[in-house]
Structure formats: C-alpha cells, structure tokens
Amino acid sequence: MTASLIVAAIGSKAFWLLYLWLASAWAASSLSDRKGYGEKVGLGTGLVLSVIGVLIWLVIPAKSTSIASQRKLRKEHEEAAEAEAAAPQA
C-alpha cells in the first residue's frame, strides 16, 4: 500500500513538471516568433532548456523586422505626432 502511494506522488510531480516543460516550450516559441527569429528556434530552446530557454528569449533583442520592433516604432511615431499636435503654434 505504501509503495503505491509513493508512485502516485511521483506521478503527480512528474505530471506538473511535464506541464511546466510544455508551457516553457510554448512561451519560448512565442517569444522568439514575436522577436523575429521564428517559432522553431524558440521551440528548440524551450524544449531543451525549459524555463531557462524562456529567460534567454526575454533577454535576446528583437530584430528590426519583428512584430515587437514594428509595434514599438509605431507607438513612438504616434507619441511624436501627439506631442507635435499638442505643442503650441508660434
């Protein structure tokens, strides 16, 4: 009876670690795709390095053609246009 409880406890921990591993792979894949490097590169680092792979993709800078960079440039242009419109005319 005790052996089956130990196996069940190990199985529960393994199940949650499996979820953590899969979530890390998904997060790394999503981050790398948004930063312009493609999903496969992020998926590979997420599967091999797990949570460390996600941390790596949080640090790696985005390419200039990536979704994140384009969104940042668009926001900067909008803020500059708003500041120009709000400035008093001389």
PDB file of N, CA and C in Angstrom:
ATOM      1  N   MET A   1       0.822  -1.197   0.000  1.00  0.00           N
ATOM      2  CA  MET A   1       0.000   0.000   0.000  1.00  0.00           C
ATOM      3  C   MET A   1       0.861   1.255   0.000  1.00  0.00           C
ATOM      4  N   THR A   2       1.949   1.262   0.750  1.00  0.00           N
ATOM      5  CA  THR A   2       2.809   2.431   0.828  1.00  0.00           C
ATOM      6  C   THR A   2       3.521   2.675  -0.496  1.00  0.00           C
ATOM      7  N   ALA A   3       3.919   1.620  -1.167  1.00  0.00           N
ATOM      8  CA  ALA A   3       4.622   1.772  -2.438  1.00  0.00           C
ATOM      9  C   ALA A   3       3.729   2.429  -3.486  1.00  0.00           C
ATOM     10  N   SER A   4       2.458   2.092  -3.502  1.00  0.00           N
ATOM     11  CA  SER A   4       1.563   2.687  -4.491  1.00  0.00           C
ATOM     12  C   SER A   4       1.340   4.177  -4.204  1.00  0.00           C
ATOM     13  N   LEU A   5       1.356   4.580  -2.940  1.00  0.00           N
ATOM     14  CA  LEU A   5       1.220   5.992  -2.612  1.00  0.00           C
ATOM     15  C   LEU A   5       2.442   6.782  -3.058  1.00  0.00           C
ATOM     16  N   ILE A   6       3.618   6.193  -2.912  1.00  0.00           N
ATOM     17  CA  ILE A   6       4.838   6.870  -3.348  1.00  0.00           C
ATOM     18  C   ILE A   6       4.846   7.029  -4.863  1.00  0.00           C
ATOM     19  N   VAL A   7       4.454   5.997  -5.563  1.00  0.00           N
ATOM     20  CA  VAL A   7       4.402   6.062  -7.026  1.00  0.00           C
ATOM     21  C   VAL A   7       3.379   7.106  -7.464  1.00  0.00           C
ATOM     22  N   ALA A   8       2.260   7.188  -6.774  1.00  0.00           N
ATOM     23  CA  ALA A   8       1.239   8.177  -7.122  1.00  0.00           C
ATOM     24  C   ALA A   8       1.759   9.589  -6.881  1.00  0.00           C
ATOM     25  N   ALA A   9       2.509   9.795  -5.805  1.00  0.00           N
ATOM     26  CA  ALA A   9       3.063  11.117  -5.524  1.00  0.00           C
ATOM     27  C   ALA A   9       4.103  11.501  -6.570  1.00  0.00           C
ATOM     28  N   ILE A  10       4.924  10.554  -6.971  1.00  0.00           N
ATOM     29  CA  ILE A  10       5.921  10.825  -8.011  1.00  0.00           C
ATOM     30  C   ILE A  10       5.228  11.106  -9.344  1.00  0.00           C
ATOM     31  N   GLY A  11       4.176  10.380  -9.631  1.00  0.00           N
ATOM     32  CA  GLY A  11       3.432  10.594 -10.870  1.00  0.00           C
ATOM     33  C   GLY A  11       2.805  11.974 -10.917  1.00  0.00           C
ATOM     34  N   SER A  12       2.301  12.441  -9.788  1.00  0.00           N
ATOM     35  CA  SER A  12       1.709  13.771  -9.722  1.00  0.00           C
ATOM     36  C   SER A  12       2.765  14.846  -9.976  1.00  0.00           C
ATOM     37  N   LYS A  13       3.922  14.703  -9.369  1.00  0.00           N
ATOM     38  CA  LYS A  13       5.003  15.668  -9.580  1.00  0.00           C
ATOM     39  C   LYS A  13       5.480  15.644 -11.026  1.00  0.00           C
ATOM     40  N   ALA A  14       5.587  14.462 -11.590  1.00  0.00           N
ATOM     41  CA  ALA A  14       6.021  14.341 -12.985  1.00  0.00           C
ATOM     42  C   ALA A  14       5.006  14.991 -13.924  1.00  0.00           C
ATOM     43  N   PHE A  15       3.732  14.853 -13.595  1.00  0.00           N
ATOM     44  CA  PHE A  15       2.684  15.457 -14.410  1.00  0.00           C
ATOM     45  C   PHE A  15       2.809  16.977 -14.417  1.00  0.00           C
ATOM     46  N   TRP A  16       3.043  17.600 -13.258  1.00  0.00           N
ATOM     47  CA  TRP A  16       3.195  19.049 -13.179  1.00  0.00           C
ATOM     48  C   TRP A  16       4.495  19.510 -13.823  1.00  0.00           C
ATOM     49  N   LEU A  17       5.546  18.723 -13.714  1.00  0.00           N
ATOM     50  CA  LEU A  17       6.791  19.065 -14.393  1.00  0.00           C
ATOM     51  C   LEU A  17       6.629  18.987 -15.911  1.00  0.00           C
ATOM     52  N   LEU A  18       5.822  18.033 -16.363  1.00  0.00           N
ATOM     53  CA  LEU A  18       5.530  17.935 -17.794  1.00  0.00           C
ATOM     54  C   LEU A  18       4.782  19.187 -18.269  1.00  0.00           C
ATOM     55  N   TYR A  19       3.807  19.650 -17.497  1.00  0.00           N
ATOM     56  CA  TYR A  19       3.104  20.888 -17.830  1.00  0.00           C
ATOM     57  C   TYR A  19       4.066  22.074 -17.872  1.00  0.00           C
ATOM     58  N   LEU A  20       4.957  22.158 -16.896  1.00  0.00           N
ATOM     59  CA  LEU A  20       5.938  23.238 -16.861  1.00  0.00           C
ATOM     60  C   LEU A  20       6.832  23.201 -18.093  1.00  0.00           C
ATOM     61  N   TRP A  21       7.271  22.023 -18.474  1.00  0.00           N
ATOM     62  CA  TRP A  21       8.130  21.850 -19.643  1.00  0.00           C
ATOM     63  C   TRP A  21       7.411  22.287 -20.920  1.00  0.00           C
ATOM     64  N   LEU A  22       6.165  21.852 -21.076  1.00  0.00           N
ATOM     65  CA  LEU A  22       5.402  22.214 -22.269  1.00  0.00           C
ATOM     66  C   LEU A  22       5.083  23.708 -22.305  1.00  0.00           C
ATOM     67  N   ALA A  23       4.737  24.286 -21.156  1.00  0.00           N
ATOM     68  CA  ALA A  23       4.451  25.716 -21.108  1.00  0.00           C
ATOM     69  C   ALA A  23       5.706  26.532 -21.423  1.00  0.00           C
ATOM     70  N   SER A  24       6.853  26.075 -20.961  1.00  0.00           N
ATOM     71  CA  SER A  24       8.112  26.759 -21.256  1.00  0.00           C
ATOM     72  C   SER A  24       8.419  26.705 -22.751  1.00  0.00           C
ATOM     73  N   ALA A  25       8.196  25.558 -23.354  1.00  0.00           N
ATOM     74  CA  ALA A  25       8.433  25.427 -24.794  1.00  0.00           C
ATOM     75  C   ALA A  25       7.507  26.352 -25.576  1.00  0.00           C
ATOM     76  N   TRP A  26       6.245  26.415 -25.176  1.00  0.00           N
ATOM     77  CA  TRP A  26       5.294  27.298 -25.861  1.00  0.00           C
ATOM     78  C   TRP A  26       5.685  28.763 -25.684  1.00  0.00           C
ATOM     79  N   ALA A  27       6.055  29.156 -24.463  1.00  0.00           N
ATOM     80  CA  ALA A  27       6.414  30.547 -24.199  1.00  0.00           C
ATOM     81  C   ALA A  27       7.664  30.956 -24.973  1.00  0.00           C
ATOM     82  N   ALA A  28       8.678  30.096 -24.990  1.00  0.00           N
ATOM     83  CA  ALA A  28       9.906  30.404 -25.727  1.00  0.00           C
ATOM     84  C   ALA A  28       9.625  30.503 -27.230  1.00  0.00           C
ATOM     85  N   SER A  29       8.780  29.627 -27.742  1.00  0.00           N
ATOM     86  CA  SER A  29       8.420  29.660 -29.157  1.00  0.00           C
ATOM     87  C   SER A  29       7.680  30.949 -29.491  1.00  0.00           C
ATOM     88  N   SER A  30       6.765  31.338 -28.644  1.00  0.00           N
ATOM     89  CA  SER A  30       6.002  32.564 -28.864  1.00  0.00           C
ATOM     90  C   SER A  30       6.898  33.802 -28.801  1.00  0.00           C
ATOM     91  N   LEU A  31       7.782  33.849 -27.816  1.00  0.00           N
ATOM     92  CA  LEU A  31       8.691  34.985 -27.686  1.00  0.00           C
ATOM     93  C   LEU A  31       9.624  35.104 -28.885  1.00  0.00           C
ATOM     94  N   SER A  32      10.191  33.986 -29.312  1.00  0.00           N
ATOM     95  CA  SER A  32      11.125  34.039 -30.441  1.00  0.00           C
ATOM     96  C   SER A  32      10.417  34.436 -31.729  1.00  0.00           C
ATOM     97  N   ASP A  33       9.173  33.995 -31.886  1.00  0.00           N
ATOM     98  CA  ASP A  33       8.419  34.374 -33.084  1.00  0.00           C
ATOM     99  C   ASP A  33       8.119  35.866 -33.077  1.00  0.00           C
ATOM    100  N   ARG A  34       7.725  36.417 -31.934  1.00  0.00           N
ATOM    101  CA  ARG A  34       7.447  37.851 -31.831  1.00  0.00           C
ATOM    102  C   ARG A  34       8.703  38.689 -32.043  1.00  0.00           C
ATOM    103  N   LYS A  35       9.857  38.142 -31.690  1.00  0.00           N
ATOM    104  CA  LYS A  35      11.109  38.889 -31.828  1.00  0.00           C
ATOM    105  C   LYS A  35      11.732  38.724 -33.207  1.00  0.00           C
ATOM    106  N   GLY A  36      11.091  37.957 -34.079  1.00  0.00           N
ATOM    107  CA  GLY A  36      11.534  37.868 -35.462  1.00  0.00           C
ATOM    108  C   GLY A  36      12.489  36.736 -35.782  1.00  0.00           C
ATOM    109  N   TYR A  37      12.648  35.777 -34.888  1.00  0.00           N
ATOM    110  CA  TYR A  37      13.574  34.678 -35.130  1.00  0.00           C
ATOM    111  C   TYR A  37      12.869  33.394 -35.583  1.00  0.00           C
ATOM    112  N   GLY A  38      11.565  33.359 -35.569  1.00  0.00           N
ATOM    113  CA  GLY A  38      10.817  32.181 -35.986  1.00  0.00           C
ATOM    114  C   GLY A  38      10.463  31.293 -34.805  1.00  0.00           C
ATOM    115  N   GLU A  39       9.430  30.483 -34.996  1.00  0.00           N
ATOM    116  CA  GLU A  39       8.950  29.631 -33.911  1.00  0.00           C
ATOM    117  C   GLU A  39       9.877  28.459 -33.620  1.00  0.00           C
ATOM    118  N   LYS A  40      10.488  27.888 -34.663  1.00  0.00           N
ATOM    119  CA  LYS A  40      11.291  26.683 -34.481  1.00  0.00           C
ATOM    120  C   LYS A  40      12.482  26.899 -33.564  1.00  0.00           C
ATOM    121  N   VAL A  41      13.123  28.042 -33.679  1.00  0.00           N
ATOM    122  CA  VAL A  41      14.294  28.338 -32.848  1.00  0.00           C
ATOM    123  C   VAL A  41      13.874  28.410 -31.380  1.00  0.00           C
ATOM    124  N   GLY A  42      12.789  29.101 -31.109  1.00  0.00           N
ATOM    125  CA  GLY A  42      12.297  29.219 -29.743  1.00  0.00           C
ATOM    126  C   GLY A  42      11.789  27.902 -29.202  1.00  0.00           C
ATOM    127  N   LEU A  43      11.136  27.123 -30.049  1.00  0.00           N
ATOM    128  CA  LEU A  43      10.652  25.827 -29.613  1.00  0.00           C
ATOM    129  C   LEU A  43      11.808  24.920 -29.230  1.00  0.00           C
ATOM    130  N   GLY A  44      12.867  24.956 -30.014  1.00  0.00           N
ATOM    131  CA  GLY A  44      14.045  24.149 -29.684  1.00  0.00           C
ATOM    132  C   GLY A  44      14.667  24.544 -28.361  1.00  0.00           C
ATOM    133  N   THR A  45      14.837  25.838 -28.145  1.00  0.00           N
ATOM    134  CA  THR A  45      15.428  26.264 -26.873  1.00  0.00           C
ATOM    135  C   THR A  45      14.482  25.988 -25.715  1.00  0.00           C
ATOM    136  N   GLY A  46      13.192  26.128 -25.930  1.00  0.00           N
ATOM    137  CA  GLY A  46      12.234  25.846 -24.864  1.00  0.00           C
ATOM    138  C   GLY A  46      12.179  24.382 -24.492  1.00  0.00           C
ATOM    139  N   LEU A  47      12.280  23.511 -25.481  1.00  0.00           N
ATOM    140  CA  LEU A  47      12.239  22.080 -25.192  1.00  0.00           C
ATOM    141  C   LEU A  47      13.527  21.590 -24.545  1.00  0.00           C
ATOM    142  N   VAL A  48      14.651  22.114 -24.995  1.00  0.00           N
ATOM    143  CA  VAL A  48      15.932  21.645 -24.455  1.00  0.00           C
ATOM    144  C   VAL A  48      16.252  22.286 -23.110  1.00  0.00           C
ATOM    145  N   LEU A  49      15.998  23.584 -22.977  1.00  0.00           N
ATOM    146  CA  LEU A  49      16.422  24.304 -21.778  1.00  0.00           C
ATOM    147  C   LEU A  49      15.281  24.610 -20.804  1.00  0.00           C
ATOM    148  N   SER A  50      14.046  24.302 -21.175  1.00  0.00           N
ATOM    149  CA  SER A  50      12.873  24.508 -20.330  1.00  0.00           C
ATOM    150  C   SER A  50      12.756  25.966 -19.887  1.00  0.00           C
ATOM    151  N   VAL A  51      12.666  26.237 -18.604  1.00  0.00           N
ATOM    152  CA  VAL A  51      12.431  27.595 -18.100  1.00  0.00           C
ATOM    153  C   VAL A  51      13.598  28.513 -18.436  1.00  0.00           C
ATOM    154  N   ILE A  52      14.800  27.995 -18.482  1.00  0.00           N
ATOM    155  CA  ILE A  52      15.966  28.807 -18.824  1.00  0.00           C
ATOM    156  C   ILE A  52      15.850  29.328 -20.261  1.00  0.00           C
ATOM    157  N   GLY A  53      15.245  28.532 -21.147  1.00  0.00           N
ATOM    158  CA  GLY A  53      15.026  28.967 -22.520  1.00  0.00           C
ATOM    159  C   GLY A  53      14.123  30.185 -22.601  1.00  0.00           C
ATOM    160  N   VAL A  54      13.103  30.232 -21.752  1.00  0.00           N
ATOM    161  CA  VAL A  54      12.210  31.398 -21.718  1.00  0.00           C
ATOM    162  C   VAL A  54      12.984  32.617 -21.242  1.00  0.00           C
ATOM    163  N   LEU A  55      13.799  32.447 -20.222  1.00  0.00           N
ATOM    164  CA  LEU A  55      14.591  33.565 -19.705  1.00  0.00           C
ATOM    165  C   LEU A  55      15.565  34.087 -20.763  1.00  0.00           C
ATOM    166  N   ILE A  56      16.132  33.184 -21.530  1.00  0.00           N
ATOM    167  CA  ILE A  56      17.043  33.586 -22.606  1.00  0.00           C
ATOM    168  C   ILE A  56      16.303  34.437 -23.632  1.00  0.00           C
ATOM    169  N   TRP A  57      15.084  34.026 -24.012  1.00  0.00           N
ATOM    170  CA  TRP A  57      14.331  34.777 -25.017  1.00  0.00           C
ATOM    171  C   TRP A  57      13.820  36.096 -24.486  1.00  0.00           C
ATOM    172  N   LEU A  58      13.709  36.244 -23.180  1.00  0.00           N
ATOM    173  CA  LEU A  58      13.349  37.535 -22.619  1.00  0.00           C
ATOM    174  C   LEU A  58      14.490  38.539 -22.744  1.00  0.00           C
ATOM    175  N   VAL A  59      15.731  38.041 -22.819  1.00  0.00           N
ATOM    176  CA  VAL A  59      16.911  38.905 -22.865  1.00  0.00           C
ATOM    177  C   VAL A  59      17.338  39.215 -24.301  1.00  0.00           C
ATOM    178  N   ILE A  60      17.127  38.283 -25.219  1.00  0.00           N
ATOM    179  CA  ILE A  60      17.574  38.461 -26.604  1.00  0.00           C
ATOM    180  C   ILE A  60      16.814  39.624 -27.247  1.00  0.00           C
ATOM    181  N   PRO A  61      17.526  40.566 -27.886  1.00  0.00           N
ATOM    182  CA  PRO A  61      16.839  41.710 -28.512  1.00  0.00           C
ATOM    183  C   PRO A  61      16.077  41.291 -29.776  1.00  0.00           C
ATOM    184  N   ALA A  62      15.059  42.044 -30.092  1.00  0.00           N
ATOM    185  CA  ALA A  62      14.244  41.765 -31.269  1.00  0.00           C
ATOM    186  C   ALA A  62      14.939  42.257 -32.532  1.00  0.00           C
ATOM    187  N   LYS A  63      14.686  41.573 -33.642  1.00  0.00           N
ATOM    188  CA  LYS A  63      15.183  42.040 -34.935  1.00  0.00           C
ATOM    189  C   LYS A  63      14.389  43.265 -35.356  1.00  0.00           C
ATOM    190  N   SER A  64      14.968  44.042 -36.242  1.00  0.00           N
ATOM    191  CA  SER A  64      14.295  45.276 -36.670  1.00  0.00           C
ATOM    192  C   SER A  64      13.027  44.999 -37.477  1.00  0.00           C
ATOM    193  N   THR A  65      12.911  43.822 -38.055  1.00  0.00           N
ATOM    194  CA  THR A  65      11.738  43.487 -38.859  1.00  0.00           C
ATOM    195  C   THR A  65      10.691  42.712 -38.063  1.00  0.00           C
ATOM    196  N   SER A  66      10.879  42.577 -36.764  1.00  0.00           N
ATOM    197  CA  SER A  66       9.972  41.767 -35.963  1.00  0.00           C
ATOM    198  C   SER A  66       8.696  42.515 -35.613  1.00  0.00           C
ATOM    199  N   ILE A  67       7.714  41.771 -35.160  1.00  0.00           N
ATOM    200  CA  ILE A  67       6.433  42.345 -34.747  1.00  0.00           C
ATOM    201  C   ILE A  67       6.637  43.306 -33.590  1.00  0.00           C
ATOM    202  N   ALA A  68       7.461  42.915 -32.623  1.00  0.00           N
ATOM    203  CA  ALA A  68       7.691  43.744 -31.437  1.00  0.00           C
ATOM    204  C   ALA A  68       8.358  45.067 -31.813  1.00  0.00           C
ATOM    205  N   SER A  69       9.337  45.033 -32.693  1.00  0.00           N
ATOM    206  CA  SER A  69      10.022  46.257 -33.097  1.00  0.00           C
ATOM    207  C   SER A  69       9.100  47.177 -33.894  1.00  0.00           C
ATOM    208  N   GLN A  70       8.301  46.602 -34.765  1.00  0.00           N
ATOM    209  CA  GLN A  70       7.376  47.408 -35.548  1.00  0.00           C
ATOM    210  C   GLN A  70       6.334  48.064 -34.653  1.00  0.00           C
ATOM    211  N   ARG A  71       5.859  47.329 -33.643  1.00  0.00           N
ATOM    212  CA  ARG A  71       4.889  47.892 -32.709  1.00  0.00           C
ATOM    213  C   ARG A  71       5.513  49.034 -31.913  1.00  0.00           C
ATOM    214  N   LYS A  72       6.772  48.864 -31.507  1.00  0.00           N
ATOM    215  CA  LYS A  72       7.468  49.909 -30.746  1.00  0.00           C
ATOM    216  C   LYS A  72       7.656  51.163 -31.605  1.00  0.00           C
ATOM    217  N   LEU A  73       8.065  50.987 -32.865  1.00  0.00           N
ATOM    218  CA  LEU A  73       8.239  52.135 -33.762  1.00  0.00           C
ATOM    219  C   LEU A  73       6.919  52.860 -34.002  1.00  0.00           C
ATOM    220  N   ARG A  74       5.840  52.085 -34.193  1.00  0.00           N
ATOM    221  CA  ARG A  74       4.534  52.685 -34.419  1.00  0.00           C
ATOM    222  C   ARG A  74       4.109  53.514 -33.209  1.00  0.00           C
ATOM    223  N   LYS A  75       4.354  52.989 -32.013  1.00  0.00           N
ATOM    224  CA  LYS A  75       3.997  53.715 -30.799  1.00  0.00           C
ATOM    225  C   LYS A  75       4.818  54.999 -30.662  1.00  0.00           C
ATOM    226  N   GLU A  76       6.108  54.930 -30.979  1.00  0.00           N
ATOM    227  CA  GLU A  76       6.960  56.120 -30.908  1.00  0.00           C
ATOM    228  C   GLU A  76       6.491  57.184 -31.894  1.00  0.00           C
ATOM    229  N   HIS A  77       6.106  56.775 -33.104  1.00  0.00           N
ATOM    230  CA  HIS A  77       5.615  57.732 -34.098  1.00  0.00           C
ATOM    231  C   HIS A  77       4.306  58.364 -33.647  1.00  0.00           C
ATOM    232  N   GLU A  78       3.423  57.570 -33.040  1.00  0.00           N
ATOM    233  CA  GLU A  78       2.154  58.117 -32.548  1.00  0.00           C
ATOM    234  C   GLU A  78       2.395  59.118 -31.430  1.00  0.00           C
ATOM    235  N   GLU A  79       3.308  58.794 -30.514  1.00  0.00           N
ATOM    236  CA  GLU A  79       3.612  59.716 -29.418  1.00  0.00           C
ATOM    237  C   GLU A  79       4.237  61.009 -29.938  1.00  0.00           C
ATOM    238  N   ALA A  80       5.102  60.904 -30.937  1.00  0.00           N
ATOM    239  CA  ALA A  80       5.718  62.102 -31.518  1.00  0.00           C
ATOM    240  C   ALA A  80       4.667  62.956 -32.212  1.00  0.00           C
ATOM    241  N   ALA A  81       3.735  62.314 -32.904  1.00  0.00           N
ATOM    242  CA  ALA A  81       2.672  63.065 -33.586  1.00  0.00           C
ATOM    243  C   ALA A  81       1.763  63.745 -32.576  1.00  0.00           C
ATOM    244  N   GLU A  82       1.451  63.069 -31.462  1.00  0.00           N
ATOM    245  CA  GLU A  82       0.613  63.672 -30.425  1.00  0.00           C
ATOM    246  C   GLU A  82       1.331  64.860 -29.768  1.00  0.00           C
ATOM    247  N   ALA A  83       2.634  64.707 -29.520  1.00  0.00           N
ATOM    248  CA  ALA A  83       3.400  65.787 -28.912  1.00  0.00           C
ATOM    249  C   ALA A  83       3.485  66.987 -29.855  1.00  0.00           C
ATOM    250  N   GLU A  84       3.613  66.720 -31.142  1.00  0.00           N
ATOM    251  CA  GLU A  84       3.675  67.792 -32.133  1.00  0.00           C
ATOM    252  C   GLU A  84       2.336  68.504 -32.236  1.00  0.00           C
ATOM    253  N   ALA A  85       1.260  67.749 -32.162  1.00  0.00           N
ATOM    254  CA  ALA A  85      -0.071  68.350 -32.248  1.00  0.00           C
ATOM    255  C   ALA A  85      -0.407  69.142 -30.991  1.00  0.00           C
ATOM    256  N   ALA A  86       0.110  68.702 -29.848  1.00  0.00           N
ATOM    257  CA  ALA A  86      -0.194  69.367 -28.585  1.00  0.00           C
ATOM    258  C   ALA A  86       0.693  70.605 -28.372  1.00  0.00           C
ATOM    259  N   ALA A  87       1.783  70.715 -29.098  1.00  0.00           N
ATOM    260  CA  ALA A  87       2.695  71.863 -28.944  1.00  0.00           C
ATOM    261  C   ALA A  87       2.006  73.122 -29.464  1.00  0.00           C
ATOM    262  N   PRO A  88       2.148  74.227 -28.729  1.00  0.00           N
ATOM    263  CA  PRO A  88       1.501  75.473 -29.192  1.00  0.00           C
ATOM    264  C   PRO A  88       2.168  75.998 -30.464  1.00  0.00           C
ATOM    265  N   GLN A  89       1.323  76.513 -31.327  1.00  0.00           N
ATOM    266  CA  GLN A  89       1.808  77.069 -32.581  1.00  0.00           C
ATOM    267  C   GLN A  89       2.331  78.485 -32.312  1.00  0.00           C
ATOM    268  N   ALA A  90       3.508  78.805 -32.845  1.00  0.00           N
ATOM    269  CA  ALA A  90       4.093  80.138 -32.614  1.00  0.00           C
ATOM    270  C   ALA A  90       3.851  81.046 -33.784  1.00  0.00           C
TER     271      ALA A  90
END
